[in-house]
Amino acid sequence: MMYELDKLHPEYGFASHKGYPTKQHLEAINKYGVLENYRFSYKPVQEACKKNKNVVQ
C-alpha cells in the first residue's frame, strides 16, 4: 500500500519510510498538505490541518 501511495504522491516519500512520524514526512505534510487517507485523529496531522487547511485528494 505504501508503494502505491508513493506512486501517486512521490513528494511524501512513502517508499522510503512507512508512515508519517518521520521528520521528512512531517515536513512534506506541512509543505504539500494532508492526504485524504490520513488518520485525522493523529496529532501531527491535526496540527498540519490547523496550519494548512489543504487536504489533497
PDB file of N, CA and C in Angstrom:
ATOM      1  N   MET A   1       0.818  -1.186   0.000  1.00  0.00           N
ATOM      2  CA  MET A   1       0.000   0.000   0.000  1.00  0.00           C
ATOM      3  C   MET A   1       0.876   1.269   0.000  1.00  0.00           C
ATOM      4  N   MET A   2       1.958   1.237   0.777  1.00  0.00           N
ATOM      5  CA  MET A   2       2.820   2.415   0.848  1.00  0.00           C
ATOM      6  C   MET A   2       3.486   2.692  -0.506  1.00  0.00           C
ATOM      7  N   TYR A   3       3.866   1.649  -1.215  1.00  0.00           N
ATOM      8  CA  TYR A   3       4.483   1.842  -2.537  1.00  0.00           C
ATOM      9  C   TYR A   3       3.475   2.410  -3.527  1.00  0.00           C
ATOM     10  N   GLU A   4       2.214   1.993  -3.403  1.00  0.00           N
ATOM     11  CA  GLU A   4       1.175   2.538  -4.281  1.00  0.00           C
ATOM     12  C   GLU A   4       0.942   4.022  -3.975  1.00  0.00           C
ATOM     13  N   LEU A   5       0.924   4.372  -2.692  1.00  0.00           N
ATOM     14  CA  LEU A   5       0.792   5.781  -2.321  1.00  0.00           C
ATOM     15  C   LEU A   5       1.976   6.592  -2.832  1.00  0.00           C
ATOM     16  N   ASP A   6       3.166   5.977  -2.799  1.00  0.00           N
ATOM     17  CA  ASP A   6       4.352   6.673  -3.287  1.00  0.00           C
ATOM     18  C   ASP A   6       4.243   6.971  -4.776  1.00  0.00           C
ATOM     19  N   LYS A   7       3.656   6.066  -5.527  1.00  0.00           N
ATOM     20  CA  LYS A   7       3.463   6.298  -6.964  1.00  0.00           C
ATOM     21  C   LYS A   7       2.514   7.469  -7.205  1.00  0.00           C
ATOM     22  N   LEU A   8       1.484   7.569  -6.375  1.00  0.00           N
ATOM     23  CA  LEU A   8       0.503   8.642  -6.521  1.00  0.00           C
ATOM     24  C   LEU A   8       1.003   9.980  -5.981  1.00  0.00           C
ATOM     25  N   HIS A   9       1.809   9.915  -4.915  1.00  0.00           N
ATOM     26  CA  HIS A   9       2.263  11.128  -4.227  1.00  0.00           C
ATOM     27  C   HIS A   9       3.739  10.996  -3.869  1.00  0.00           C
ATOM     28  N   PRO A  10       4.632  11.024  -4.846  1.00  0.00           N
ATOM     29  CA  PRO A  10       6.061  10.804  -4.575  1.00  0.00           C
ATOM     30  C   PRO A  10       6.693  11.869  -3.675  1.00  0.00           C
ATOM     31  N   GLU A  11       6.105  13.055  -3.625  1.00  0.00           N
ATOM     32  CA  GLU A  11       6.661  14.128  -2.811  1.00  0.00           C
ATOM     33  C   GLU A  11       6.610  13.824  -1.307  1.00  0.00           C
ATOM     34  N   TYR A  12       5.802  12.848  -0.908  1.00  0.00           N
ATOM     35  CA  TYR A  12       5.703  12.483   0.503  1.00  0.00           C
ATOM     36  C   TYR A  12       6.717  11.410   0.914  1.00  0.00           C
ATOM     37  N   GLY A  13       7.345  10.754  -0.047  1.00  0.00           N
ATOM     38  CA  GLY A  13       8.391   9.784   0.252  1.00  0.00           C
ATOM     39  C   GLY A  13       7.928   8.501   0.906  1.00  0.00           C
ATOM     40  N   PHE A  14       6.729   8.044   0.592  1.00  0.00           N
ATOM     41  CA  PHE A  14       6.202   6.830   1.212  1.00  0.00           C
ATOM     42  C   PHE A  14       7.085   5.603   0.987  1.00  0.00           C
ATOM     43  N   ALA A  15       7.795   5.540  -0.115  1.00  0.00           N
ATOM     44  CA  ALA A  15       8.628   4.369  -0.408  1.00  0.00           C
ATOM     45  C   ALA A  15       9.845   4.290   0.514  1.00  0.00           C
ATOM     46  N   SER A  16      10.271   5.415   1.050  1.00  0.00           N
ATOM     47  CA  SER A  16      11.470   5.412   1.887  1.00  0.00           C
ATOM     48  C   SER A  16      11.167   5.344   3.381  1.00  0.00           C
ATOM     49  N   HIS A  17       9.912   5.480   3.755  1.00  0.00           N
ATOM     50  CA  HIS A  17       9.516   5.312   5.152  1.00  0.00           C
ATOM     51  C   HIS A  17       8.123   4.711   5.160  1.00  0.00           C
ATOM     52  N   LYS A  18       7.684   4.234   6.271  1.00  0.00           N
ATOM     53  CA  LYS A  18       6.407   3.514   6.317  1.00  0.00           C
ATOM     54  C   LYS A  18       5.336   4.250   7.102  1.00  0.00           C
ATOM     55  N   GLY A  19       5.394   5.551   7.093  1.00  0.00           N
ATOM     56  CA  GLY A  19       4.364   6.308   7.782  1.00  0.00           C
ATOM     57  C   GLY A  19       4.799   7.720   8.070  1.00  0.00           C
ATOM     58  N   TYR A  20       3.946   8.498   8.697  1.00  0.00           N
ATOM     59  CA  TYR A  20       4.226   9.912   8.840  1.00  0.00           C
ATOM     60  C   TYR A  20       4.947  10.349  10.097  1.00  0.00           C
ATOM     61  N   PRO A  21       5.382   9.498  11.002  1.00  0.00           N
ATOM     62  CA  PRO A  21       6.121  10.028  12.141  1.00  0.00           C
ATOM     63  C   PRO A  21       7.538  10.517  11.810  1.00  0.00           C
ATOM     64  N   THR A  22       8.034  10.268  10.604  1.00  0.00           N
ATOM     65  CA  THR A  22       9.390  10.695  10.286  1.00  0.00           C
ATOM     66  C   THR A  22       9.437  12.203  10.045  1.00  0.00           C
ATOM     67  N   LYS A  23      10.585  12.782  10.284  1.00  0.00           N
ATOM     68  CA  LYS A  23      10.774  14.212  10.071  1.00  0.00           C
ATOM     69  C   LYS A  23      10.481  14.587   8.616  1.00  0.00           C
ATOM     70  N   GLN A  24      10.986  13.784   7.683  1.00  0.00           N
ATOM     71  CA  GLN A  24      10.777  14.042   6.256  1.00  0.00           C
ATOM     72  C   GLN A  24       9.292  14.076   5.918  1.00  0.00           C
ATOM     73  N   HIS A  25       8.555  13.147   6.463  1.00  0.00           N
ATOM     74  CA  HIS A  25       7.138  13.077   6.126  1.00  0.00           C
ATOM     75  C   HIS A  25       6.358  14.222   6.764  1.00  0.00           C
ATOM     76  N   LEU A  26       6.671  14.560   7.990  1.00  0.00           N
ATOM     77  CA  LEU A  26       6.001  15.692   8.627  1.00  0.00           C
ATOM     78  C   LEU A  26       6.269  16.987   7.864  1.00  0.00           C
ATOM     79  N   GLU A  27       7.486  17.145   7.358  1.00  0.00           N
ATOM     80  CA  GLU A  27       7.804  18.321   6.543  1.00  0.00           C
ATOM     81  C   GLU A  27       6.984  18.329   5.256  1.00  0.00           C
ATOM     82  N   ALA A  28       6.807  17.156   4.647  1.00  0.00           N
ATOM     83  CA  ALA A  28       6.004  17.055   3.423  1.00  0.00           C
ATOM     84  C   ALA A  28       4.544  17.387   3.700  1.00  0.00           C
ATOM     85  N   ILE A  29       4.018  16.911   4.823  1.00  0.00           N
ATOM     86  CA  ILE A  29       2.632  17.225   5.191  1.00  0.00           C
ATOM     87  C   ILE A  29       2.469  18.736   5.327  1.00  0.00           C
ATOM     88  N   ASN A  30       3.406  19.374   5.996  1.00  0.00           N
ATOM     89  CA  ASN A  30       3.311  20.824   6.189  1.00  0.00           C
ATOM     90  C   ASN A  30       3.489  21.594   4.889  1.00  0.00           C
ATOM     91  N   LYS A  31       4.291  21.064   3.979  1.00  0.00           N
ATOM     92  CA  LYS A  31       4.543  21.743   2.706  1.00  0.00           C
ATOM     93  C   LYS A  31       3.434  21.498   1.685  1.00  0.00           C
ATOM     94  N   TYR A  32       2.995  20.235   1.547  1.00  0.00           N
ATOM     95  CA  TYR A  32       2.069  19.864   0.473  1.00  0.00           C
ATOM     96  C   TYR A  32       0.627  19.677   0.925  1.00  0.00           C
ATOM     97  N   GLY A  33       0.403  19.565   2.216  1.00  0.00           N
ATOM     98  CA  GLY A  33      -0.951  19.355   2.713  1.00  0.00           C
ATOM     99  C   GLY A  33      -1.165  17.932   3.190  1.00  0.00           C
ATOM    100  N   VAL A  34      -2.340  17.687   3.695  1.00  0.00           N
ATOM    101  CA  VAL A  34      -2.719  16.412   4.278  1.00  0.00           C
ATOM    102  C   VAL A  34      -3.474  15.601   3.226  1.00  0.00           C
ATOM    103  N   LEU A  35      -3.131  14.337   3.090  1.00  0.00           N
ATOM    104  CA  LEU A  35      -3.829  13.471   2.151  1.00  0.00           C
ATOM    105  C   LEU A  35      -5.138  12.982   2.771  1.00  0.00           C
ATOM    106  N   GLU A  36      -6.132  12.755   1.936  1.00  0.00           N
ATOM    107  CA  GLU A  36      -7.453  12.386   2.445  1.00  0.00           C
ATOM    108  C   GLU A  36      -7.476  11.038   3.167  1.00  0.00           C
ATOM    109  N   ASN A  37      -6.476  10.190   2.953  1.00  0.00           N
ATOM    110  CA  ASN A  37      -6.487   8.878   3.597  1.00  0.00           C
ATOM    111  C   ASN A  37      -5.703   8.852   4.913  1.00  0.00           C
ATOM    112  N   TYR A  38      -5.289   9.998   5.406  1.00  0.00           N
ATOM    113  CA  TYR A  38      -4.593  10.061   6.697  1.00  0.00           C
ATOM    114  C   TYR A  38      -5.570   9.879   7.854  1.00  0.00           C
ATOM    115  N   ARG A  39      -5.023   9.474   8.977  1.00  0.00           N
ATOM    116  CA  ARG A  39      -5.802   9.413  10.218  1.00  0.00           C
ATOM    117  C   ARG A  39      -5.843  10.820  10.790  1.00  0.00           C
ATOM    118  N   PHE A  40      -6.984  11.443  10.723  1.00  0.00           N
ATOM    119  CA  PHE A  40      -7.108  12.814  11.198  1.00  0.00           C
ATOM    120  C   PHE A  40      -7.113  12.895  12.724  1.00  0.00           C
ATOM    121  N   SER A  41      -7.182  11.752  13.385  1.00  0.00           N
ATOM    122  CA  SER A  41      -7.090  11.734  14.843  1.00  0.00           C
ATOM    123  C   SER A  41      -5.634  11.783  15.322  1.00  0.00           C
ATOM    124  N   TYR A  42      -4.682  11.598  14.407  1.00  0.00           N
ATOM    125  CA  TYR A  42      -3.261  11.610  14.749  1.00  0.00           C
ATOM    126  C   TYR A  42      -2.818  13.061  14.946  1.00  0.00           C
ATOM    127  N   LYS A  43      -2.226  13.361  16.099  1.00  0.00           N
ATOM    128  CA  LYS A  43      -1.935  14.752  16.472  1.00  0.00           C
ATOM    129  C   LYS A  43      -1.108  15.524  15.430  1.00  0.00           C
ATOM    130  N   PRO A  44      -0.020  14.966  14.865  1.00  0.00           N
ATOM    131  CA  PRO A  44       0.714  15.734  13.841  1.00  0.00           C
ATOM    132  C   PRO A  44      -0.144  16.082  12.622  1.00  0.00           C
ATOM    133  N   VAL A  45      -1.085  15.220  12.271  1.00  0.00           N
ATOM    134  CA  VAL A  45      -1.988  15.514  11.158  1.00  0.00           C
ATOM    135  C   VAL A  45      -2.944  16.635  11.565  1.00  0.00           C
ATOM    136  N   GLN A  46      -3.453  16.582  12.784  1.00  0.00           N
ATOM    137  CA  GLN A  46      -4.324  17.656  13.270  1.00  0.00           C
ATOM    138  C   GLN A  46      -3.603  18.994  13.246  1.00  0.00           C
ATOM    139  N   GLU A  47      -2.348  19.002  13.700  1.00  0.00           N
ATOM    140  CA  GLU A  47      -1.564  20.234  13.710  1.00  0.00           C
ATOM    141  C   GLU A  47      -1.341  20.760  12.298  1.00  0.00           C
ATOM    142  N   ALA A  48      -1.051  19.862  11.373  1.00  0.00           N
ATOM    143  CA  ALA A  48      -0.856  20.278   9.981  1.00  0.00           C
ATOM    144  C   ALA A  48      -2.144  20.840   9.402  1.00  0.00           C
ATOM    145  N   CYS A  49      -3.276  20.266   9.776  1.00  0.00           N
ATOM    146  CA  CYS A  49      -4.564  20.776   9.291  1.00  0.00           C
ATOM    147  C   CYS A  49      -4.836  22.178   9.821  1.00  0.00           C
ATOM    148  N   LYS A  50      -4.407  22.451  11.041  1.00  0.00           N
ATOM    149  CA  LYS A  50      -4.589  23.790  11.599  1.00  0.00           C
ATOM    150  C   LYS A  50      -3.751  24.811  10.836  1.00  0.00           C
ATOM    151  N   LYS A  51      -2.528  24.429  10.462  1.00  0.00           N
ATOM    152  CA  LYS A  51      -1.622  25.324   9.743  1.00  0.00           C
ATOM    153  C   LYS A  51      -2.015  25.482   8.283  1.00  0.00           C
ATOM    154  N   ASN A  52      -2.411  24.377   7.676  1.00  0.00           N
ATOM    155  CA  ASN A  52      -2.650  24.341   6.251  1.00  0.00           C
ATOM    156  C   ASN A  52      -3.976  23.604   6.030  1.00  0.00           C
ATOM    157  N   LYS A  53      -5.000  24.299   5.663  1.00  0.00           N
ATOM    158  CA  LYS A  53      -6.314  23.699   5.503  1.00  0.00           C
ATOM    159  C   LYS A  53      -6.424  22.789   4.281  1.00  0.00           C
ATOM    160  N   ASN A  54      -5.369  22.704   3.511  1.00  0.00           N
ATOM    161  CA  ASN A  54      -5.353  21.938   2.276  1.00  0.00           C
ATOM    162  C   ASN A  54      -5.393  20.434   2.534  1.00  0.00           C
ATOM    163  N   VAL A  55      -6.397  19.762   1.998  1.00  0.00           N
ATOM    164  CA  VAL A  55      -6.444  18.307   2.006  1.00  0.00           C
ATOM    165  C   VAL A  55      -6.335  17.870   0.556  1.00  0.00           C
ATOM    166  N   VAL A  56      -5.281  17.110   0.257  1.00  0.00           N
ATOM    167  CA  VAL A  56      -5.007  16.671  -1.102  1.00  0.00           C
ATOM    168  C   VAL A  56      -5.817  15.420  -1.390  1.00  0.00           C
ATOM    169  N   GLN A  57      -6.505  15.405  -2.514  1.00  0.00           N
ATOM    170  CA  GLN A  57      -7.314  14.238  -2.883  1.00  0.00           C
ATOM    171  C   GLN A  57      -6.608  13.382  -3.900  1.00  0.00           C
TER     172      GLN A  57
END
